[in-house]
Protein backbone atom coordinates (compact mmCIF):
# COMPACT_ATOMS: atom_id res chain seq x y z
CA MET A 1 106.13 58.41 133.82
CA ASN A 2 103.19 60.17 132.18
CA GLN A 3 100.34 61.18 134.44
CA HIS A 4 96.83 62.26 133.57
CA VAL A 5 95.79 65.80 134.43
CA ASP A 6 92.16 66.97 134.41
CA VAL A 7 91.04 70.55 133.71
CA VAL A 8 87.45 71.79 133.73
CA THR A 9 86.44 74.04 130.80
CA ALA A 10 83.14 75.83 130.25
CA GLN A 11 82.00 72.94 128.04
CA GLY A 12 83.18 70.12 130.28
CA ALA A 13 86.24 68.46 131.80
CA VAL A 14 89.22 67.39 129.66
CA ARG A 15 92.02 64.97 130.51
CA GLY A 16 95.56 65.66 129.30
CA LEU A 17 98.99 64.14 129.80
CA ARG A 18 101.86 65.44 131.90
CA GLY A 19 105.21 65.12 130.15
CA ASP A 20 108.75 66.14 131.09
CA ASP A 21 108.30 69.90 130.79
CA SER A 22 104.62 70.42 130.09
CA VAL A 23 101.08 69.18 130.27
CA VAL A 24 99.47 68.74 126.87
CA PHE A 25 95.78 68.61 125.99
CA LEU A 26 94.90 67.55 122.44
CA ASN A 27 91.77 67.78 120.35
CA ILE A 28 89.67 70.07 122.58
CA PRO A 29 86.61 71.38 120.67
CA TYR A 30 86.19 75.15 120.50
CA ALA A 31 83.18 75.08 118.13
CA ALA A 32 80.52 72.66 116.94
CA PRO A 33 81.35 70.20 114.13
CA PRO A 34 80.89 71.88 110.73
CA VAL A 35 78.74 69.34 108.88
CA GLY A 36 76.28 69.56 106.00
CA ALA A 37 74.96 73.09 105.56
CA GLY A 38 76.81 74.00 108.78
CA ARG A 39 80.07 73.90 106.82
CA PHE A 40 78.98 77.20 105.25
CA GLN A 41 77.73 78.91 108.39
CA ALA A 42 79.47 80.86 111.13
CA PRO A 43 80.99 78.68 113.86
CA ARG A 44 78.58 77.75 116.64
CA PRO A 45 79.33 76.85 120.27
CA HIS A 46 80.10 73.20 120.91
CA ASP A 47 77.59 71.25 122.99
CA PRO A 48 78.70 70.60 126.57
CA TRP A 49 79.69 67.07 127.51
CA THR A 50 79.38 65.06 130.69
CA GLY A 51 82.20 63.16 132.33
CA VAL A 52 85.82 63.74 131.34
CA ARG A 53 86.71 64.06 127.65
CA ASN A 54 89.92 62.29 126.67
CA ALA A 55 92.42 64.91 125.40
CA THR A 56 95.46 62.66 125.10
CA GLU A 57 95.20 61.73 121.41
CA PRO A 58 95.16 63.89 118.28
CA GLY A 59 91.85 64.10 116.49
CA PRO A 60 90.54 64.73 112.97
CA ASN A 61 91.42 67.79 110.95
CA ALA A 62 89.94 69.89 108.14
CA PRO A 63 89.27 68.16 104.82
CA GLN A 64 92.30 68.66 102.54
CA ALA A 65 94.28 67.05 99.76
CA GLU A 66 97.78 65.74 100.25
CA ARG A 67 100.18 68.60 99.62
CA ARG A 68 103.64 68.24 98.07
CA LEU A 69 106.30 70.74 97.02
CA GLY A 70 108.44 69.15 94.34
CA SER A 71 111.55 67.45 95.66
CA LEU A 72 111.43 69.09 99.10
CA ASP A 73 110.03 67.02 101.97
CA MET A 74 107.54 69.36 103.61
CA SER A 75 105.68 66.69 105.58
CA PRO A 76 106.69 68.20 108.96
CA TYR A 77 104.98 71.40 107.76
CA PHE A 78 101.85 70.07 106.07
CA GLY A 79 101.35 67.12 108.41
CA PRO A 80 99.73 63.80 107.53
CA GLY A 81 97.00 65.16 105.28
CA TRP A 82 93.30 64.71 105.92
CA ILE A 83 92.34 62.71 109.00
CA PRO A 84 88.55 62.47 108.53
CA GLY A 85 86.06 63.21 111.29
CA ASP A 86 83.31 65.75 111.84
CA ASP A 87 84.50 67.21 115.14
CA TYR A 88 87.64 68.94 113.85
CA LEU A 89 87.23 72.55 115.00
CA THR A 90 89.57 71.78 117.86
CA LEU A 91 92.69 73.07 119.50
CA ASN A 92 95.71 71.78 121.40
CA VAL A 93 97.06 73.33 124.60
CA TRP A 94 100.56 73.01 126.07
CA THR A 95 100.97 74.45 129.53
CA PRO A 96 103.97 74.43 131.92
CA ASP A 97 104.25 71.53 134.30
CA THR A 98 103.98 73.92 137.24
CA ALA A 99 100.96 75.81 135.87
CA ALA A 100 98.05 76.37 138.19
CA ALA A 101 94.71 78.01 137.54
CA ASP A 102 95.99 81.28 139.06
CA ALA A 103 99.40 81.31 137.31
CA ARG A 104 98.37 83.96 134.72
CA LEU A 105 101.09 83.02 132.25
CA PRO A 106 101.39 84.62 128.80
CA VAL A 107 99.40 82.82 126.11
CA MET A 108 100.33 82.34 122.45
CA VAL A 109 97.76 81.15 119.89
CA PHE A 110 99.17 79.85 116.59
CA VAL A 111 97.43 79.78 113.19
CA HIS A 112 99.07 77.37 110.75
CA GLY A 113 99.85 78.02 107.10
CA GLY A 114 99.21 75.91 104.02
CA GLY A 115 97.84 78.14 101.28
CA PHE A 116 94.35 78.22 102.87
CA VAL A 117 93.90 74.60 101.71
CA ALA A 118 96.22 72.46 103.88
CA GLY A 119 97.84 72.06 107.29
CA SER A 120 96.65 71.23 110.79
CA THR A 121 97.55 70.94 114.45
CA ARG A 122 98.99 67.51 113.61
CA SER A 123 102.00 69.02 111.85
CA GLN A 124 105.19 68.06 113.68
CA LEU A 125 106.58 71.59 113.56
CA TYR A 126 103.86 72.92 115.85
CA ASP A 127 104.84 71.05 118.99
CA GLY A 128 104.36 73.54 121.82
CA ALA A 129 106.51 71.80 124.44
CA ALA A 130 109.36 74.33 124.17
CA PHE A 131 106.96 77.23 124.75
CA ALA A 132 105.52 75.52 127.83
CA ARG A 133 109.04 74.69 129.04
CA ASP A 134 109.77 78.42 128.90
CA GLY A 135 106.68 79.61 130.74
CA VAL A 136 104.14 80.16 127.97
CA VAL A 137 100.75 78.52 127.42
CA LEU A 138 100.77 77.58 123.71
CA VAL A 139 97.56 76.95 121.75
CA THR A 140 97.40 75.59 118.19
CA LEU A 141 94.14 75.29 116.29
CA ASN A 142 92.44 73.77 113.27
CA TYR A 143 90.18 75.92 111.10
CA ARG A 144 88.09 75.34 108.00
CA LEU A 145 90.10 75.24 104.78
CA GLY A 146 89.41 75.44 101.07
CA ILE A 147 85.79 75.70 99.94
CA PRO A 148 84.16 75.40 103.41
CA GLY A 149 86.65 77.88 104.87
CA PHE A 150 87.16 80.54 102.24
CA LEU A 151 84.98 80.21 99.13
CA HIS A 152 82.95 83.42 98.87
CA LEU A 153 79.37 82.18 98.61
CA PRO A 154 76.11 84.12 98.35
CA GLY A 155 73.97 83.08 101.30
CA ALA A 156 76.93 82.30 103.56
CA PRO A 157 79.09 84.47 105.82
CA GLY A 158 82.46 85.24 104.27
CA ASN A 159 85.84 84.14 105.58
CA ARG A 160 84.49 81.25 107.63
CA GLY A 161 88.00 79.99 108.36
CA LEU A 162 88.85 83.38 109.81
CA LEU A 163 85.65 83.30 111.88
CA ASP A 164 86.85 79.96 113.25
CA VAL A 165 90.05 81.64 114.47
CA VAL A 166 87.99 84.34 116.19
CA ALA A 167 85.84 81.62 117.80
CA ALA A 168 89.00 79.92 119.07
CA LEU A 169 90.15 83.23 120.55
CA ARG A 170 86.80 83.50 122.34
CA TRP A 171 87.34 79.99 123.71
CA VAL A 172 90.77 81.08 124.93
CA ARG A 173 89.29 84.17 126.57
CA GLU A 174 86.75 82.00 128.42
CA ASN A 175 88.87 78.98 129.31
CA ILE A 176 92.61 79.59 129.23
CA ALA A 177 92.85 80.67 132.89
CA ALA A 178 91.99 77.08 133.86
CA PHE A 179 95.20 76.02 132.06
CA GLY A 180 97.32 78.64 133.82
CA GLY A 181 97.09 81.27 131.09
CA ASP A 182 96.33 84.97 131.37
CA PRO A 183 93.41 85.88 129.09
CA GLU A 184 94.62 89.49 129.14
CA THR A 185 98.06 88.57 127.72
CA VAL A 186 97.24 86.69 124.53
CA THR A 187 99.45 86.84 121.44
CA LEU A 188 97.93 85.67 118.16
CA PHE A 189 100.59 84.51 115.71
CA GLY A 190 100.69 82.69 112.43
CA GLN A 191 102.79 81.90 109.38
CA SER A 192 102.04 82.19 105.65
CA ALA A 193 98.26 81.84 105.12
CA GLY A 194 97.99 81.76 108.91
CA ALA A 195 99.86 85.06 109.13
CA THR A 196 97.61 86.66 106.52
CA ILE A 197 94.66 85.48 108.62
CA VAL A 198 96.28 87.06 111.71
CA GLY A 199 96.59 90.36 109.83
CA ALA A 200 92.94 90.13 108.82
CA VAL A 201 91.89 89.29 112.39
CA LEU A 202 93.86 92.35 113.53
CA ALA A 203 91.57 94.38 111.27
CA THR A 204 88.36 92.58 112.32
CA PRO A 205 86.11 94.52 114.73
CA GLU A 206 84.63 91.29 116.17
CA ALA A 207 88.08 90.26 117.42
CA GLU A 208 88.77 93.50 119.27
CA GLY A 209 89.83 92.86 122.85
CA LEU A 210 90.46 89.14 122.35
CA PHE A 211 94.25 89.46 122.02
CA ARG A 212 96.91 91.93 123.07
CA ARG A 213 99.71 91.21 120.60
CA ALA A 214 100.12 89.78 117.11
CA ILE A 215 102.97 88.21 115.15
CA VAL A 216 102.77 88.03 111.36
CA GLN A 217 105.38 85.60 109.97
CA SER A 218 105.58 85.78 106.19
CA GLY A 219 102.02 86.94 105.72
CA SER A 220 100.67 90.01 103.98
CA GLY A 221 98.61 93.02 104.89
CA LEU A 222 97.75 93.17 101.17
CA GLY A 223 96.81 89.50 100.77
CA ALA A 224 93.02 89.72 100.58
CA PHE A 225 90.98 89.04 97.45
CA THR A 226 88.38 91.52 96.33
CA THR A 227 84.80 90.28 96.00
CA GLU A 228 85.20 90.47 92.21
CA GLN A 229 88.22 88.17 92.33
CA ALA A 230 86.51 85.80 94.76
CA ALA A 231 83.44 85.61 92.55
CA ARG A 232 85.58 84.21 89.72
CA VAL A 233 86.69 81.36 91.96
CA THR A 234 83.12 80.76 93.11
CA ARG A 235 81.83 80.54 89.54
CA ALA A 236 84.61 78.13 88.60
CA ALA A 237 83.99 75.93 91.66
CA ALA A 238 80.23 75.84 91.01
CA ALA A 239 80.77 74.96 87.36
CA ALA A 240 83.22 72.18 88.22
CA LEU A 241 80.76 70.73 90.74
CA GLY A 242 77.71 71.21 88.51
CA VAL A 243 75.82 73.26 91.10
CA GLU A 244 74.56 76.82 91.42
CA PRO A 245 77.01 79.32 92.99
CA ARG A 246 75.00 79.63 96.23
CA ALA A 247 75.55 78.26 99.72
CA GLU A 248 72.46 76.04 99.69
CA SER A 249 73.66 74.38 96.47
CA PHE A 250 76.97 73.45 98.06
CA ALA A 251 75.39 72.07 101.25
CA ASP A 252 74.87 68.54 99.87
CA VAL A 253 78.26 68.17 98.18
CA PRO A 254 80.41 65.67 100.13
CA ASP A 255 83.63 66.89 101.73
CA ARG A 256 85.70 64.59 99.54
CA ARG A 257 84.33 66.16 96.37
CA LEU A 258 84.94 69.66 97.74
CA VAL A 259 88.57 68.66 98.25
CA GLU A 260 88.93 67.01 94.85
CA VAL A 261 87.63 69.99 92.92
CA ILE A 262 90.29 72.36 94.28
CA SER A 263 92.83 70.97 91.80
CA GLU A 264 90.48 72.11 89.02
CA LEU A 265 90.59 75.72 90.29
CA SER A 266 94.29 76.29 89.71
CA GLY A 267 95.23 78.70 86.96
CA ILE A 268 92.26 81.05 87.30
CA ASP A 269 93.36 84.54 86.25
CA LEU A 270 92.38 86.78 89.15
CA ARG A 271 93.83 90.00 87.78
CA THR A 272 91.25 92.76 87.36
CA VAL A 273 91.31 96.30 86.06
CA THR A 274 92.12 97.58 89.54
CA HIS A 275 93.82 94.66 91.36
CA HIS A 276 96.51 92.05 90.78
CA ASP A 277 96.35 88.57 92.27
CA PRO A 278 98.01 88.90 95.72
CA LEU A 279 98.81 85.16 95.74
CA ILE A 280 100.20 85.21 92.15
CA GLY A 281 98.28 82.07 91.25
CA LEU A 282 99.58 79.89 94.07
CA SER A 283 96.15 79.42 95.69
CA PRO A 284 92.58 80.12 94.60
CA PHE A 285 91.67 81.00 98.20
CA SER A 286 92.42 83.83 100.58
CA VAL A 287 90.50 86.06 102.92
CA VAL A 288 87.97 88.17 100.99
CA LEU A 289 87.66 91.77 102.15
CA ASP A 290 86.42 95.12 100.87
CA GLN A 291 89.51 96.74 102.36
CA GLN A 292 93.01 95.30 102.68
CA PRO A 293 94.09 94.62 106.30
CA ALA A 294 96.91 97.16 105.99
CA GLU A 295 94.40 99.81 104.95
CA ALA A 296 92.06 98.95 107.84
CA VAL A 297 94.98 99.09 110.29
CA ALA A 298 96.04 102.46 108.89
CA ALA A 299 92.50 103.68 109.58
CA GLY A 300 92.74 102.60 113.23
CA ARG A 301 91.95 98.88 113.48
CA GLY A 302 94.29 97.00 115.81
CA ALA A 303 95.72 100.23 117.17
CA ALA A 304 95.89 98.82 120.72
CA VAL A 305 97.60 95.56 119.68
CA ASP A 306 101.41 95.32 119.63
CA LEU A 307 102.71 93.93 116.31
CA LEU A 308 105.80 91.97 115.29
CA ALA A 309 106.00 91.34 111.53
CA GLY A 310 108.63 89.96 109.23
CA THR A 311 109.70 87.71 106.40
CA THR A 312 112.57 85.45 105.40
CA THR A 313 115.16 86.94 103.06
CA GLU A 314 114.55 84.48 100.21
CA GLU A 315 110.82 83.72 100.48
CA GLY A 316 110.37 82.94 96.79
CA ASN A 317 112.94 80.15 96.78
CA LEU A 318 110.34 77.74 98.18
CA TYR A 319 108.29 78.05 95.01
CA LEU A 320 111.23 77.57 92.64
CA ALA A 321 114.06 75.49 94.11
CA PRO A 322 112.04 72.29 94.80
CA PHE A 323 110.93 72.26 91.16
CA GLY A 324 114.34 72.91 89.62
CA THR A 325 113.24 76.30 88.31
CA LEU A 326 115.50 78.49 90.45
CA SER A 327 118.57 77.50 88.43
CA SER A 328 116.75 77.27 85.08
CA SER A 329 114.98 80.65 85.24
CA THR A 330 115.54 83.04 82.35
CA ASP A 331 115.28 86.79 81.90
CA ALA A 332 111.84 86.18 80.40
CA ASP A 333 110.78 84.40 83.59
CA VAL A 334 111.89 87.40 85.64
CA THR A 335 109.85 89.76 83.49
CA ALA A 336 106.83 87.43 83.65
CA ALA A 337 107.05 87.30 87.45
CA ALA A 338 107.11 91.09 87.58
CA ALA A 339 104.19 91.39 85.16
CA ARG A 340 101.96 89.27 87.41
CA SER A 341 102.10 91.91 90.15
CA HIS A 342 103.29 95.22 88.71
CA ARG A 343 101.92 97.47 85.99
CA GLU A 344 105.43 98.51 84.92
CA PRO A 345 107.34 95.22 85.00
CA ALA A 346 110.38 96.49 83.10
CA ARG A 347 110.90 99.30 85.63
CA LEU A 348 110.51 96.88 88.54
CA VAL A 349 113.03 94.44 87.08
CA GLU A 350 115.48 97.27 86.46
CA THR A 351 115.24 98.29 90.12
CA TYR A 352 115.93 94.76 91.34
CA ARG A 353 118.82 94.30 88.90
CA LYS A 354 120.39 97.54 90.08
CA ALA A 355 120.03 96.51 93.73
CA ARG A 356 121.39 92.99 93.02
CA PRO A 357 123.99 93.35 90.27
CA LEU A 358 125.41 89.84 90.79
CA ALA A 359 122.05 88.05 91.07
CA SER A 360 121.07 85.27 88.69
CA SER A 361 117.76 85.33 86.85
CA GLY A 362 116.44 82.79 89.36
CA GLU A 363 117.45 84.94 92.30
CA LEU A 364 115.79 88.00 90.78
CA ARG A 365 112.65 86.00 90.01
CA SER A 366 112.57 84.67 93.58
CA ALA A 367 113.04 88.15 95.08
CA ILE A 368 110.20 89.63 93.01
CA MET A 369 107.89 86.70 93.81
CA GLY A 370 108.74 86.91 97.50
CA ASP A 371 107.97 90.60 97.68
CA ALA A 372 104.75 90.24 95.68
CA LEU A 373 103.57 87.55 98.07
CA PHE A 374 104.95 88.69 101.43
CA GLY A 375 107.57 91.44 101.48
CA LEU A 376 105.50 94.36 100.25
CA GLY A 377 102.40 93.41 102.24
CA THR A 378 104.46 92.99 105.41
CA ARG A 379 106.07 96.40 104.97
CA ARG A 380 102.71 98.07 104.33
CA LEU A 381 101.17 96.42 107.40
CA ALA A 382 104.11 97.48 109.59
CA ASP A 383 103.99 101.03 108.21
CA ALA A 384 100.24 101.24 108.84
CA HIS A 385 100.56 99.93 112.38
CA ALA A 386 103.52 102.14 113.26
CA GLY A 387 101.27 105.17 112.86
CA HIS A 388 99.52 104.33 116.14
CA ARG A 389 101.08 105.60 119.34
CA SER A 390 99.05 103.34 121.63
CA SER A 391 101.02 100.21 120.71
CA ALA A 392 104.46 99.08 119.55
CA THR A 393 105.61 97.83 116.14
CA TYR A 394 108.66 95.63 115.48
CA ALA A 395 110.07 94.10 112.31
CA TYR A 396 112.45 91.23 111.55
CA SER A 397 114.07 89.51 108.57
CA PHE A 398 115.10 85.86 108.98
CA ALA A 399 118.34 85.38 107.05
CA TRP A 400 119.75 81.93 107.91
CA ARG A 401 120.17 79.89 104.73
CA SER A 402 119.28 76.19 104.62
CA ALA A 403 121.68 74.08 102.52
CA ALA A 404 118.81 71.86 101.34
CA LEU A 405 118.44 71.05 97.63
CA GLY A 406 122.12 71.50 96.94
CA GLY A 407 122.17 74.84 98.72
CA GLU A 408 119.37 76.33 96.62
CA LEU A 409 116.64 76.44 99.30
CA GLY A 410 118.36 79.14 101.34
CA ALA A 411 116.31 81.42 103.59
CA ALA A 412 113.08 80.32 101.94
CA HIS A 413 109.48 80.63 103.05
CA ALA A 414 108.86 78.55 106.24
CA VAL A 415 112.56 78.10 107.15
CA GLU A 416 112.17 80.17 110.33
CA LEU A 417 109.44 77.96 111.82
CA PRO A 418 111.66 75.25 113.39
CA PHE A 419 113.61 78.02 115.13
CA VAL A 420 110.51 79.81 116.42
CA PHE A 421 109.15 76.57 117.87
CA ASP A 422 112.65 75.41 118.95
CA VAL A 423 112.19 72.02 117.28
CA THR A 424 115.29 71.96 115.07
CA ALA A 425 116.20 68.50 116.46
CA LEU A 426 113.24 66.87 114.65
CA ALA A 427 114.64 64.11 112.42
CA GLY A 428 112.26 64.94 109.56
CA LEU A 429 113.80 68.39 109.21
CA HIS A 430 117.30 67.09 108.39
CA GLY A 431 118.66 65.75 105.14
CA PRO A 432 119.52 66.99 101.65
CA GLU A 433 115.82 67.27 100.72
CA ALA A 434 114.49 68.34 104.14
CA LEU A 435 113.68 71.86 105.29
CA LEU A 436 116.86 72.43 107.33
CA GLY A 437 119.13 70.61 104.89
CA PRO A 438 122.06 68.28 105.62
CA ASP A 439 124.02 70.64 107.87
CA GLU A 440 123.47 71.44 111.52
CA PRO A 441 122.03 74.94 112.01
CA PRO A 442 123.87 77.34 114.35
CA ALA A 443 123.69 75.95 117.86
CA ASN A 444 122.04 78.98 119.45
CA LEU A 445 119.87 80.26 116.60
CA ALA A 446 116.74 78.44 117.74
CA ALA A 447 117.27 79.56 121.33
CA ARG A 448 117.67 83.20 120.25
CA THR A 449 114.70 83.21 117.88
CA HIS A 450 112.39 81.33 120.22
CA ALA A 451 113.38 83.63 123.11
CA ALA A 452 112.57 86.75 121.06
CA TRP A 453 109.07 85.47 120.30
CA ILE A 454 108.52 84.67 123.98
CA ALA A 455 109.86 88.07 125.07
CA PHE A 456 107.47 89.82 122.70
CA ALA A 457 104.51 87.74 123.92
CA THR A 458 105.44 88.40 127.53
CA THR A 459 106.46 92.06 127.51
CA GLY A 460 105.63 93.44 124.07
CA ASP A 461 109.36 93.93 123.34
CA PRO A 462 111.34 91.25 121.43
CA GLY A 463 114.63 92.90 122.31
CA TRP A 464 115.45 95.35 119.54
CA ASN A 465 114.55 98.83 118.27
CA ARG A 466 110.96 99.70 117.47
CA TYR A 467 109.89 100.09 113.88
CA ASP A 468 108.79 103.47 112.56
CA VAL A 469 108.25 104.80 109.05
CA THR A 470 111.35 107.00 109.28
CA ARG A 471 113.99 104.35 110.09
CA ARG A 472 112.09 101.09 109.55
CA ALA A 473 114.46 99.37 112.01
CA THR A 474 114.53 95.64 111.23
CA LYS A 475 116.23 92.86 113.15
CA ILE A 476 118.26 90.58 110.86
CA ILE A 477 118.07 87.12 112.43
CA GLY A 478 120.84 84.77 111.32
CA VAL A 479 124.29 83.51 112.20
CA GLU A 480 125.08 87.11 113.06
CA GLU A 481 122.41 89.42 114.45
CA THR A 482 122.18 93.07 113.49
CA VAL A 483 119.54 95.76 113.23
CA ALA A 484 119.32 97.39 109.81
CA ASP A 485 117.37 100.48 108.85
CA ASP A 486 114.96 99.87 105.96
CA PRO A 487 116.74 96.88 104.44
CA ARG A 488 115.89 96.55 100.75
CA GLY A 489 114.04 99.83 100.88
CA GLU A 490 114.98 100.73 97.30
CA GLU A 491 113.30 97.59 95.95
CA LEU A 492 110.17 97.90 98.03
CA GLU A 493 109.77 101.58 97.14
CA ALA A 494 109.47 100.53 93.50
CA TRP A 495 106.03 99.00 94.12
CA PRO A 496 102.97 101.24 93.67
CA GLU A 497 101.04 102.57 96.62
């Protein structure tokens, strides 16, 4: 039988629910509601409340459009879409049933993906019960998305969605001990856009000291837009809305219109004389920085934070297989994919063909897209971090192949998430057009993957060799588990410095 549990935070008391293995608190504010002009300002502290705030029901989330990926059912990943409400800068906390205020358990704080325009704490995949069951306090959070979160606007602080994540980390620092967590043992982790945000937070001076470890799942240390690229998106958004490209001009535009206009921003060519588009046209939003996170980390940022970083082995399949374009890709498509991200596309394609002599055009296209988006930026971030002796670096490659979409999905972007969260039993993940496909995954793969993430968060060691720029030891996570030195090094060396 569920029982209510009350915890007192710095802003007021919250009431959660005790379940079988954990106590869960939903929809706890970590910052003030971002409304009106406040949508384009730095996050502010939430007003205190009197009495006990109900934290047993999910709340609103960031304004966003419904997100689909062709024939693949990604609803467990993207969640239910926009649930309107002003007070959405909130977080959820799962804590072990036995947790007490002095338990000092490891804490993990998760940043969801969704192309900087979608996703929320309501997504089924991000149920933290398994982490709490295994002795970890798990926190998931909402942050501003799209135009309020990431449009680079004169008169507004940049990267407001990232600033929200830093504000949530400050909330954790101040309050997590009351939930049984140790504020000195916090691991920040994220996937996709969330992982790129984690990499950027790693390089953010304002976040120094707020977390001890970081996990970057299919993100990129090279995923930031330059201010020149961001300005193109800003001009296009302002033109589509019929307003001036300044923060005060956006302040009166309703949230719904800010969401609607995003579809009009697709297709903007963000390539410049000096930079390619790190998101290869998949999203008009990213963090906007003068220096890529990998470069900032190489210069010393995040040197005291342990890092675990990795990708899936077929990241690009997610952007092809659900649309039928993995099997229909041609040699011209492969060259076009290379040309989006590389100044010598023919040489790049030749390298990939040599490394994969039996690969189809679709497989080559997927591999090049995956590395442009995630593989190269993950390697550069790991290399940069491994230069610091004051912390540890680890790398992984998730290789289990989903049989979804007639076997074409494979080890695509996001396939590792159900295993990390140990939620592979979710019904919505199974079926011929679901993320895990029609077949049962290996019985112990979720247990092994989940345990490695917990071990890293607890001790700083996930259970395999450290990564360095000489060996680049990488754990291959799949039906069989091995450690390989510099897997796919020949391909990744073909990209320019």
